[in-house]
Structures are given as C-alpha cells and as structure tokens.
Amino acid sequence: MSFSVLFEQMNAIFGEALYVIFISIPFWGFFLFGFLAIEMYLRYIRADWIFKQGSVLLELKLPKEILKSPRAMELFFTTTFQQGSVGTLKEVYVDGRVRPWWSFELVSIGGQVKFFIWSHKKWKHLIETQLYGQYPQLEIYDVTNDDYAKKVFWDPAKRGMWGTYFKLAADDTIPIKTYIDYELDKDPKEEFKIDPMTSMIEYLGGLKEGEQSWFQILVQPHGEETLKNGHLKHKDPWKKRVEKAINEIRASTLSTEDIEKKAKFNDARLSPAERDKIKAMERHLGKVPYDVVIRAMYVGEEGHFNAINIPGMIGAFQQYGSPSLNGIRLAWNTDIADRSKDIVWLTSWLGFPTRIAENIVAKYKTSMLSAYKQRSVFQYPYKHKHITPYVLTTEELATIFHFPGEVSQTPTFERVNSTKASAPANLPI
C-alpha cells in the first residue's frame, strides 16, 4: 500500500470521526456542561456557607507541669469528633453545608514555640471546654485578629520561603508508631519518658530571630463517601479497608493447596513482624478515624533565611516511623529541585530563561502560603491541591500533637505559671 493511499484512508477516518463528534454534540455536550454547571454551583454555595461560619484562632499556653500522658489528648480528639454525615440532602445541595474541619498548629517564631488551634467559630466553646476538662491549668487566648500566618507575605526581595506537604510512607490502613508504642500510655515518671514530640520541640526552639517554622495538621472527621455527604463517587470507608488489609496479610501465608482445601488460617504461620502489624491494625480499628493533611513552611527574613533548617523540618516526623509499621515522609514541596514538577525541570533543561522557572516556583510558594493562611485543603479553593488526604486515628493524632511534660526542657518553649484549678464554669458560648 502506497503512502498516498494510506494518507487518504487516514484522512477519511479522521473526517468521519470529526463528523460523529460534531453531530453528537447535543448529547455529550448536555452532560459535560451540565456536570460543569453542577460543579460550579456546589463550589459557590459551599464557599458561601464556609464564609458565613467565620473562623477563630486559639493560642494555647501550657503550664509548667503536665502530668498526663498523650491519652488525654486522644480523649480530646475523640470527644470533639463530629459524625461524618453533614445533614440532609437539602443542607448539602441547597445550603452548601460541608463536613467540619480543624487545624492543629505547632509554630516557632524566632525560636518561641507556640501551640494553636484553628476552627470555625461555632466550635470554639466545645474546644475550650474539652481542653479545660483535660488540662485545667491550660490558658487559652483568642488571637484571631493577630494571626501569625497572615502577617507574612511572599516577597523574594525581603524573605525566603520553603513549603512542603507530608504523606504516609505506606497505605493508611497501617498505623504509624504511636505513644503507646513508646509506652507513654503508662504515665511513667518524667525522667523515664521518651516523648517522640521532644525532637520537634527542640527543632522549633532552635530557630533564631528572623526565622519562622510552621507545622499545620488539618483534620476532618472521616466518613463514608455517599451522595448524602456530597460525593458522587463511592469509596469504601477506612475501617472496611483495614479489615480487608488484615485478611490479605493472613491470606498471604496460605499455600495454593491450603486455599484449595479451604484450610482455616492459623496465626502461628505469621512472622513476628506480621503479628505486630496485625495487632496494631486491630487496635486502631477501635479508634476514631480522621482524614488528615500535614503541611509545613519555613520562612526567613532577609539575611536570616538558613537553608540548613529545612532538613530539620523534613525530619521532624521520622520518629513516628517503623520498618514493620507506617511512617510520615516528605511529599510535594516548593523546591525547584523536585523533578516531579516536570514543567519547572523542563524549562531549565531546555535552556529557557531562568526567570520562567523562578516565576513558577514563586507561584508555588504564593499558592501554598495562601492555602496555609486559609487553612484550606478539604474544600476549594485548595481542595486536595498537591496532596490527597489520608486517615490517621485519634491515637495517631494525639501522638503527633499533644502537650509534652517537663521532659521537654527547650528554653524558648514558653510555659505559664499556674496553680491547679477546675475548668471555668462560665465559658462564653
């Protein structure tokens, strides 16, 4: 077959394809534009609903003595959990109501270590009462009008900035190493405690004047994805996925002959590591699950940006990893050296002006800073941008965000002098 004949046939096929597409526009166009219209409508009503909720930023000042283990913080996470269902179909598709979320933040400003909780205004009273119930000596201040993040703007001439997301090293059906694995659930004496948060507090407290480091743990109650919850696609809930993963681990020890004979599984066939993994997974099945995203930013004013502090930020969660369990590791970040950002790498490789790549990275940093300020990741404008939420249980959350006792002696970790007292009875609503 000559090239000209082949070209004519290909041209005819291409012409027929265009004709079919053209005459079918009324059919597929209706569904395409209908879907886009629904999507834009949902974004608008949800943004309006979120705006009407208002927000509050609470600073938590810790007392000198904290004798409770992270189990107290786990109880806080459990009691403040709100069921994943957001309400009726009217509330979801007419009012724009969405599942609530919170932001738990660990911050260093010039070496001064601070704890914050961000939420919508209506949860303020619940947060305060639950925290005072567990930590009567705690001091809570409303600093909504003095938000540390909103004071920072990206200006390459005045400050350096680096941001990142963190992800799980393995599937979220496998838990990370928690405070129970560190035996902090036994309330040991301070001199015998090994608190995994100590290394992060030390890192934050080691920053100098003109430097800031922010860790933001965004959490949302995990729930089944159904039409009632505003999801058009169904996904198995986390607990069902964990049960399936446990069964797969056990099934992997059965031979083909065992399967054919429908032999029953025997735990004795598991290796010690597999037994430990299943034990941890089964323990977490009894915990409350949250959808979680962790992100962090390092900011340095002109002349104070020190890139050597970035590895410290990256390694802040290494102590929660285990070869037999899960871990937390680096995900997407604003660094131009990250080859996953193909467009940045490609422009440099092809020899385009450096400013093109610099503008792209500047856009990354501006976008991440804006997402951080808005505490946005579960809803637009930054819904799931650069990261997919994963599940952590209340036990895991209490491990990475709790109030350390005197075992953490960082000089710049400010604590308040307080005496033992019961929770205030007249908290404002």
Protein backbone atom coordinates (compact mmCIF):
# COMPACT_ATOMS: atom_id res chain seq x y z
CA MET A 1 0.00 0.00 0.00
CA SER A 2 1.46 3.34 -1.07
CA PHE A 3 1.85 6.24 1.30
CA SER A 4 -0.67 8.35 -0.63
CA VAL A 5 -3.36 5.65 -0.34
CA LEU A 6 -2.68 5.25 3.38
CA PHE A 7 -2.85 9.01 3.86
CA GLU A 8 -6.21 9.16 2.06
CA GLN A 9 -7.62 6.38 4.28
CA MET A 10 -6.37 8.05 7.45
CA ASN A 11 -7.81 11.36 6.28
CA ALA A 12 -11.18 9.72 5.61
CA ILE A 13 -11.23 8.08 9.05
CA PHE A 14 -10.30 11.37 10.70
CA GLY A 15 -13.04 13.19 8.80
CA GLU A 16 -15.65 10.60 9.81
CA ALA A 17 -14.55 10.86 13.46
CA LEU A 18 -14.94 14.65 13.39
CA TYR A 19 -18.38 14.27 11.83
CA VAL A 20 -19.51 11.82 14.54
CA ILE A 21 -18.23 14.17 17.25
CA PHE A 22 -19.96 17.14 15.66
CA ILE A 23 -23.40 15.54 15.27
CA SER A 24 -23.21 14.10 18.82
CA ILE A 25 -22.51 17.49 20.46
CA PRO A 26 -26.09 17.87 21.74
CA PHE A 27 -25.77 14.53 23.53
CA TRP A 28 -22.35 14.67 25.18
CA GLY A 29 -22.39 18.48 25.45
CA PHE A 30 -25.50 18.33 27.62
CA PHE A 31 -23.79 16.04 30.13
CA LEU A 32 -20.44 17.85 30.01
CA PHE A 33 -21.80 21.33 30.55
CA GLY A 34 -24.40 20.01 32.97
CA PHE A 35 -21.65 18.46 35.09
CA LEU A 36 -19.58 21.67 34.98
CA ALA A 37 -22.64 23.74 35.95
CA ILE A 38 -23.37 21.50 38.94
CA GLU A 39 -19.72 21.60 40.00
CA MET A 40 -19.58 25.40 39.86
CA TYR A 41 -22.89 25.66 41.70
CA LEU A 42 -21.66 23.39 44.51
CA ARG A 43 -18.41 25.30 44.83
CA TYR A 44 -20.31 28.58 45.12
CA ILE A 45 -22.83 27.52 47.76
CA ARG A 46 -20.16 25.71 49.80
CA ALA A 47 -17.82 28.71 49.71
CA ASP A 48 -20.71 30.91 50.84
CA TRP A 49 -21.59 28.54 53.69
CA ILE A 50 -17.97 28.33 54.86
CA PHE A 51 -17.61 32.13 54.76
CA LYS A 52 -20.71 32.56 56.93
CA GLN A 53 -19.26 30.25 59.61
CA GLY A 54 -16.42 32.61 60.44
CA SER A 55 -13.21 31.32 62.00
CA VAL A 56 -11.25 31.56 65.22
CA LEU A 57 -7.57 31.03 66.07
CA LEU A 58 -6.81 29.97 69.64
CA GLU A 59 -3.36 30.10 71.20
CA LEU A 60 -2.69 27.50 73.90
CA LYS A 61 -0.23 28.38 76.65
CA LEU A 62 0.97 25.35 78.57
CA PRO A 63 1.52 25.13 82.33
CA LYS A 64 4.91 24.12 83.70
CA GLU A 65 3.58 20.80 84.91
CA ILE A 66 1.73 18.43 82.60
CA LEU A 67 1.47 15.07 84.28
CA LYS A 68 -0.97 13.49 81.85
CA SER A 69 0.04 11.22 79.02
CA PRO A 70 -1.00 11.79 75.37
CA ARG A 71 -4.04 9.66 76.18
CA ALA A 72 -5.66 12.87 77.49
CA MET A 73 -5.21 14.49 74.08
CA GLU A 74 -6.57 11.36 72.42
CA LEU A 75 -9.69 11.70 74.55
CA PHE A 76 -9.95 15.32 73.41
CA PHE A 77 -9.80 14.28 69.75
CA THR A 78 -12.38 11.57 70.39
CA THR A 79 -14.90 13.76 72.21
CA THR A 80 -14.67 16.62 69.71
CA PHE A 81 -15.27 14.26 66.80
CA GLN A 82 -18.38 15.08 64.83
CA GLN A 83 -20.01 12.41 62.68
CA GLY A 84 -19.07 12.49 59.00
CA SER A 85 -22.63 12.98 57.78
CA VAL A 86 -23.25 16.67 57.15
CA GLY A 87 -27.02 16.55 57.23
CA THR A 88 -29.94 16.21 54.89
CA LEU A 89 -29.83 16.43 51.10
CA LYS A 90 -31.26 19.97 51.35
CA GLU A 91 -28.47 21.03 53.71
CA VAL A 92 -25.84 19.59 51.39
CA TYR A 93 -27.15 20.65 47.98
CA VAL A 94 -29.12 23.79 48.82
CA ASP A 95 -27.44 25.28 51.89
CA GLY A 96 -23.93 24.14 50.89
CA ARG A 97 -23.13 22.60 54.26
CA VAL A 98 -19.86 20.63 54.42
CA ARG A 99 -18.13 18.40 56.92
CA PRO A 100 -16.30 20.45 59.60
CA TRP A 101 -12.51 20.56 59.85
CA TRP A 102 -9.89 21.88 62.28
CA SER A 103 -6.24 22.87 62.12
CA PHE A 104 -3.78 21.99 64.90
CA GLU A 105 -0.60 24.01 64.57
CA LEU A 106 2.90 23.86 66.04
CA VAL A 107 4.79 27.08 65.39
CA SER A 108 8.17 28.64 66.07
CA ILE A 109 8.52 32.41 65.75
CA GLY A 110 12.14 33.34 66.30
CA GLY A 111 12.57 30.22 68.44
CA GLN A 112 9.47 30.86 70.56
CA VAL A 113 7.44 27.64 70.42
CA LYS A 114 3.66 28.06 70.30
CA PHE A 115 0.57 25.84 70.01
CA PHE A 116 -2.53 26.93 68.08
CA ILE A 117 -5.92 25.52 67.14
CA TRP A 118 -7.93 26.97 64.25
CA SER A 119 -11.62 26.18 63.74
CA HIS A 120 -14.93 27.66 62.66
CA LYS A 121 -16.38 29.93 65.34
CA LYS A 122 -19.16 27.61 66.42
CA TRP A 123 -16.64 25.02 67.69
CA LYS A 124 -14.78 27.47 69.95
CA HIS A 125 -16.81 26.70 73.07
CA LEU A 126 -16.54 22.94 72.56
CA ILE A 127 -12.76 23.14 72.08
CA GLU A 128 -12.28 25.24 75.20
CA THR A 129 -14.45 23.10 77.46
CA GLN A 130 -12.88 19.85 76.29
CA LEU A 131 -9.34 21.18 76.67
CA TYR A 132 -10.01 22.66 80.11
CA GLY A 133 -11.58 19.36 81.10
CA GLN A 134 -8.35 17.54 80.32
CA TYR A 135 -5.88 20.32 81.21
CA PRO A 136 -7.35 22.62 83.91
CA GLN A 137 -4.12 24.65 84.12
CA LEU A 138 -4.07 25.45 80.42
CA GLU A 139 -4.50 29.06 79.28
CA ILE A 140 -6.39 29.70 76.02
CA TYR A 141 -6.33 33.03 74.19
CA ASP A 142 -8.33 34.15 71.17
CA VAL A 143 -5.73 35.55 68.73
CA THR A 144 -7.92 35.60 65.63
CA ASN A 145 -7.07 39.26 64.99
CA ASP A 146 -3.37 38.59 65.47
CA ASP A 147 -2.92 35.57 63.18
CA TYR A 148 0.82 34.93 62.83
CA ALA A 149 0.44 33.49 59.31
CA LYS A 150 -1.46 36.49 57.93
CA LYS A 151 1.44 38.75 58.86
CA VAL A 152 3.69 37.05 56.31
CA PHE A 153 3.63 37.79 52.57
CA TRP A 154 5.78 36.29 49.85
CA ASP A 155 8.32 38.82 48.64
CA PRO A 156 11.58 37.28 47.36
CA ALA A 157 13.38 40.57 47.95
CA LYS A 158 12.50 40.58 51.66
CA ARG A 159 12.28 36.94 52.74
CA GLY A 160 13.00 33.38 51.78
CA MET A 161 10.31 30.71 51.96
CA TRP A 162 10.07 26.93 51.61
CA GLY A 163 6.99 24.78 51.99
CA THR A 164 6.11 21.10 51.91
CA TYR A 165 3.40 18.52 52.45
CA PHE A 166 3.89 15.26 54.30
CA LYS A 167 2.43 11.89 53.33
CA LEU A 168 2.36 8.38 54.74
CA ALA A 169 5.12 6.01 53.68
CA ALA A 170 2.61 3.17 53.19
CA ASP A 171 -1.15 2.73 52.87
CA ASP A 172 -3.16 4.45 55.62
CA THR A 173 -4.56 1.08 56.74
CA ILE A 174 -1.22 0.59 58.52
CA PRO A 175 -0.68 2.84 61.58
CA ILE A 176 2.42 4.85 62.45
CA LYS A 177 4.41 4.34 65.65
CA THR A 178 2.36 5.93 68.42
CA TYR A 179 2.70 7.00 72.03
CA ILE A 180 1.51 3.54 73.11
CA ASP A 181 4.50 2.02 71.29
CA TYR A 182 6.65 4.49 73.25
CA GLU A 183 4.87 3.30 76.45
CA LEU A 184 3.64 6.81 77.26
CA ASP A 185 0.20 5.38 78.00
CA LYS A 186 1.61 4.06 81.28
CA ASP A 187 2.21 7.59 82.66
CA PRO A 188 5.87 6.99 83.57
CA LYS A 189 7.83 9.45 85.67
CA GLU A 190 9.23 12.40 83.74
CA GLU A 191 12.82 11.12 83.93
CA PHE A 192 11.80 7.85 82.28
CA LYS A 193 9.65 9.31 79.49
CA ILE A 194 10.66 9.05 75.84
CA ASP A 195 8.36 11.56 74.19
CA PRO A 196 8.57 11.50 70.37
CA MET A 197 7.48 15.15 70.22
CA THR A 198 10.60 16.30 72.04
CA SER A 199 12.74 16.30 68.89
CA MET A 200 10.24 18.54 67.09
CA ILE A 201 10.07 20.95 70.05
CA GLU A 202 13.88 21.07 70.09
CA TYR A 203 13.96 21.84 66.37
CA LEU A 204 11.37 24.61 66.69
CA GLY A 205 13.11 26.06 69.74
CA GLY A 206 16.45 26.12 67.93
CA LEU A 207 15.43 28.72 65.34
CA LYS A 208 16.89 32.21 65.54
CA GLU A 209 15.47 35.71 65.33
CA GLY A 210 14.03 36.41 61.88
CA GLU A 211 13.13 32.75 61.31
CA GLN A 212 9.75 31.05 61.48
CA SER A 213 8.71 27.43 61.12
CA TRP A 214 5.08 26.33 60.91
CA PHE A 215 3.54 22.87 61.10
CA GLN A 216 -0.15 22.60 60.26
CA ILE A 217 -2.16 19.40 60.90
CA LEU A 218 -5.54 19.71 59.19
CA VAL A 219 -8.13 17.16 60.30
CA GLN A 220 -11.64 16.31 59.21
CA PRO A 221 -13.90 13.51 60.51
CA HIS A 222 -13.65 10.51 58.22
CA GLY A 223 -16.97 9.33 56.89
CA GLU A 224 -18.41 7.13 54.21
CA GLU A 225 -18.46 8.89 50.84
CA THR A 226 -22.09 8.86 49.74
CA LEU A 227 -24.44 11.14 47.83
CA LYS A 228 -25.77 12.39 51.15
CA ASN A 229 -22.29 13.56 52.08
CA GLY A 230 -21.82 15.40 48.80
CA HIS A 231 -19.86 12.67 47.00
CA LEU A 232 -20.89 11.39 43.58
CA LYS A 233 -18.34 8.55 43.70
CA HIS A 234 -18.46 5.88 46.37
CA LYS A 235 -15.34 4.75 48.20
CA ASP A 236 -15.04 2.05 50.85
CA PRO A 237 -14.75 3.54 54.35
CA TRP A 238 -11.42 3.25 56.11
CA LYS A 239 -12.44 0.53 58.58
CA LYS A 240 -13.57 -1.76 55.79
CA ARG A 241 -10.23 -1.21 54.03
CA VAL A 242 -8.32 -2.05 57.22
CA GLU A 243 -10.26 -5.28 57.68
CA LYS A 244 -9.54 -6.20 54.06
CA ALA A 245 -5.81 -5.47 54.52
CA ILE A 246 -5.66 -7.67 57.65
CA ASN A 247 -7.31 -10.54 55.78
CA GLU A 248 -4.84 -10.13 52.91
CA ILE A 249 -1.86 -10.37 55.28
CA ARG A 250 -3.26 -13.55 56.76
CA ALA A 251 -4.17 -14.99 53.37
CA SER A 252 -0.62 -14.40 52.10
CA THR A 253 0.63 -17.16 54.46
CA LEU A 254 -1.68 -19.77 52.94
CA SER A 255 -0.37 -22.00 50.15
CA THR A 256 -2.31 -22.84 47.00
CA GLU A 257 -3.02 -26.27 48.47
CA ASP A 258 -4.38 -24.70 51.68
CA ILE A 259 -6.69 -22.46 49.67
CA GLU A 260 -7.95 -25.39 47.59
CA LYS A 261 -8.65 -27.36 50.76
CA LYS A 262 -10.24 -24.25 52.31
CA ALA A 263 -7.92 -24.62 55.24
CA LYS A 264 -8.51 -22.30 58.16
CA PHE A 265 -5.93 -19.66 58.90
CA ASN A 266 -3.53 -20.25 61.78
CA ASP A 267 -1.86 -17.24 63.48
CA ALA A 268 1.19 -19.41 64.14
CA ARG A 269 2.11 -19.06 60.47
CA LEU A 270 2.63 -15.32 60.81
CA SER A 271 6.07 -13.86 61.31
CA PRO A 272 6.64 -11.75 64.46
CA ALA A 273 6.56 -8.58 62.32
CA GLU A 274 3.27 -9.61 60.72
CA ARG A 275 1.74 -10.38 64.11
CA ASP A 276 2.80 -6.98 65.44
CA LYS A 277 1.39 -5.26 62.36
CA ILE A 278 -1.98 -7.01 62.63
CA LYS A 279 -2.12 -6.32 66.37
CA ALA A 280 -1.55 -2.59 65.75
CA MET A 281 -4.09 -2.51 62.90
CA GLU A 282 -6.74 -4.24 65.00
CA ARG A 283 -6.10 -1.83 67.88
CA HIS A 284 -6.64 1.13 65.58
CA LEU A 285 -9.89 -0.32 64.29
CA GLY A 286 -11.34 0.58 67.67
CA LYS A 287 -10.25 4.23 67.33
CA VAL A 288 -11.99 7.19 65.70
CA PRO A 289 -10.57 7.94 62.21
CA TYR A 290 -9.88 11.38 60.77
CA ASP A 291 -8.94 12.47 57.26
CA VAL A 292 -5.65 14.32 57.67
CA VAL A 293 -3.23 16.52 55.73
CA ILE A 294 0.05 17.78 57.19
CA ARG A 295 1.93 20.70 55.67
CA ALA A 296 4.78 22.87 56.87
CA MET A 297 6.50 26.13 55.95
CA TYR A 298 9.85 27.68 56.80
CA VAL A 299 10.18 31.46 56.49
CA GLY A 300 13.30 33.55 56.90
CA GLU A 301 13.54 37.32 56.71
CA GLU A 302 16.20 38.92 54.53
CA GLY A 303 19.60 37.87 55.83
CA HIS A 304 18.10 35.29 58.20
CA PHE A 305 16.94 32.54 55.83
CA ASN A 306 19.05 29.48 56.66
CA ALA A 307 18.51 26.50 54.36
CA ILE A 308 20.22 24.23 56.90
CA ASN A 309 16.99 24.34 58.92
CA ILE A 310 14.98 22.72 56.11
CA PRO A 311 16.37 19.18 56.76
CA GLY A 312 15.30 19.62 60.38
CA MET A 313 11.77 20.32 59.20
CA ILE A 314 11.83 17.32 56.86
CA GLY A 315 12.98 15.01 59.63
CA ALA A 316 10.53 16.31 62.24
CA PHE A 317 8.31 13.23 61.87
CA GLN A 318 10.92 10.49 61.42
CA GLN A 319 10.47 9.21 64.97
CA TYR A 320 6.95 8.08 64.13
CA GLY A 321 8.19 5.61 61.52
CA SER A 322 8.81 1.91 61.96
CA PRO A 323 10.05 -0.76 59.50
CA SER A 324 7.14 -3.03 60.43
CA LEU A 325 4.52 -0.26 60.53
CA ASN A 326 3.99 3.04 58.72
CA GLY A 327 5.78 6.37 58.75
CA ILE A 328 5.49 10.02 57.72
CA ARG A 329 7.71 11.31 54.95
CA LEU A 330 8.21 14.22 52.59
CA ALA A 331 5.70 14.73 49.77
CA TRP A 332 5.20 17.65 47.35
CA ASN A 333 7.28 20.75 48.11
CA THR A 334 8.12 24.14 46.63
CA ASP A 335 11.75 23.28 45.88
CA ILE A 336 12.70 23.71 42.22
CA ALA A 337 14.96 20.65 42.51
CA ASP A 338 11.90 18.42 42.90
CA ARG A 339 11.83 16.70 39.48
CA SER A 340 8.16 15.83 39.98
CA LYS A 341 7.45 19.37 38.84
CA ASP A 342 8.15 18.48 35.23
CA ILE A 343 7.39 21.90 33.82
CA VAL A 344 9.98 23.57 36.06
CA TRP A 345 12.62 20.99 35.27
CA LEU A 346 11.80 21.03 31.55
CA THR A 347 12.11 24.81 31.21
CA SER A 348 15.54 24.68 32.87
CA TRP A 349 16.69 21.68 30.80
CA LEU A 350 15.59 23.26 27.51
CA GLY A 351 17.52 26.41 28.33
CA PHE A 352 14.61 28.79 28.73
CA PRO A 353 15.29 31.95 30.74
CA THR A 354 15.80 31.23 34.43
CA ARG A 355 13.09 33.72 35.35
CA ILE A 356 10.44 31.40 33.87
CA ALA A 357 11.31 28.66 36.35
CA GLU A 358 11.65 31.24 39.12
CA ASN A 359 8.16 32.59 38.36
CA ILE A 360 6.72 29.08 38.52
CA VAL A 361 8.35 28.42 41.90
CA ALA A 362 7.17 31.82 43.14
CA LYS A 363 3.65 30.80 42.17
CA TYR A 364 4.06 27.56 44.11
CA LYS A 365 5.14 29.47 47.22
CA THR A 366 2.40 32.07 46.94
CA SER A 367 -0.21 29.35 46.48
CA MET A 368 0.99 27.30 49.43
CA LEU A 369 1.16 30.36 51.70
CA SER A 370 -2.39 31.32 50.72
CA ALA A 371 -3.64 27.76 51.34
CA TYR A 372 -1.94 27.78 54.75
CA LYS A 373 -3.49 31.11 55.75
CA GLN A 374 -6.96 29.94 54.70
CA ARG A 375 -6.48 26.50 56.32
CA SER A 376 -7.84 25.17 53.04
CA VAL A 377 -7.33 21.60 51.83
CA PHE A 378 -10.65 19.76 52.18
CA GLN A 379 -12.66 22.37 50.26
CA TYR A 380 -11.94 24.78 47.44
CA PRO A 381 -10.04 26.93 46.57
CA TYR A 382 -7.24 24.50 47.50
CA LYS A 383 -9.13 21.22 47.70
CA HIS A 384 -6.64 18.31 47.62
CA LYS A 385 -4.09 20.50 45.84
CA HIS A 386 -0.74 18.69 45.64
CA ILE A 387 -1.85 16.15 48.28
CA THR A 388 -4.54 13.54 48.88
CA PRO A 389 -5.85 13.30 52.47
CA TYR A 390 -5.06 10.11 54.38
CA VAL A 391 -6.54 8.59 57.51
CA LEU A 392 -5.00 8.87 60.98
CA THR A 393 -6.78 7.71 64.12
CA THR A 394 -7.18 9.68 67.34
CA GLU A 395 -4.28 7.69 68.80
CA GLU A 396 -2.00 8.74 65.93
CA LEU A 397 -3.15 12.37 66.10
CA ALA A 398 -2.54 12.50 69.85
CA THR A 399 0.97 11.21 69.20
CA ILE A 400 1.97 13.96 66.78
CA PHE A 401 0.07 16.74 68.58
CA HIS A 402 -0.03 16.71 72.37
CA PHE A 403 1.33 18.76 75.24
CA PRO A 404 4.74 17.46 76.37
CA GLY A 405 5.63 17.37 80.04
CA GLU A 406 8.83 18.54 81.69
CA VAL A 407 10.77 16.03 79.61
CA SER A 408 10.86 18.82 77.01
CA GLN A 409 13.16 21.45 78.52
CA THR A 410 13.64 23.70 75.48
CA PRO A 411 14.44 27.18 76.95
CA THR A 412 12.31 29.00 74.36
CA PHE A 413 9.31 26.75 74.98
CA GLU A 414 7.24 29.25 76.97
CA ARG A 415 5.09 27.85 79.78
CA VAL A 416 2.84 29.72 82.19
CA ASN A 417 2.90 29.68 85.95
CA SER A 418 -0.39 28.30 87.15
CA THR A 419 -1.94 26.55 90.07
CA LYS A 420 -4.29 23.61 89.92
CA ALA A 421 -7.88 24.64 89.29
CA SER A 422 -11.04 23.24 87.84
CA ALA A 423 -12.30 24.21 84.42
CA PRO A 424 -14.11 27.59 84.31
CA ALA A 425 -17.86 27.18 84.76
CA ASN A 426 -18.81 30.28 82.78
CA LEU A 427 -17.02 29.81 79.47
CA PRO A 428 -18.51 32.05 76.77
CA ILE A 429 -20.53 30.36 74.06
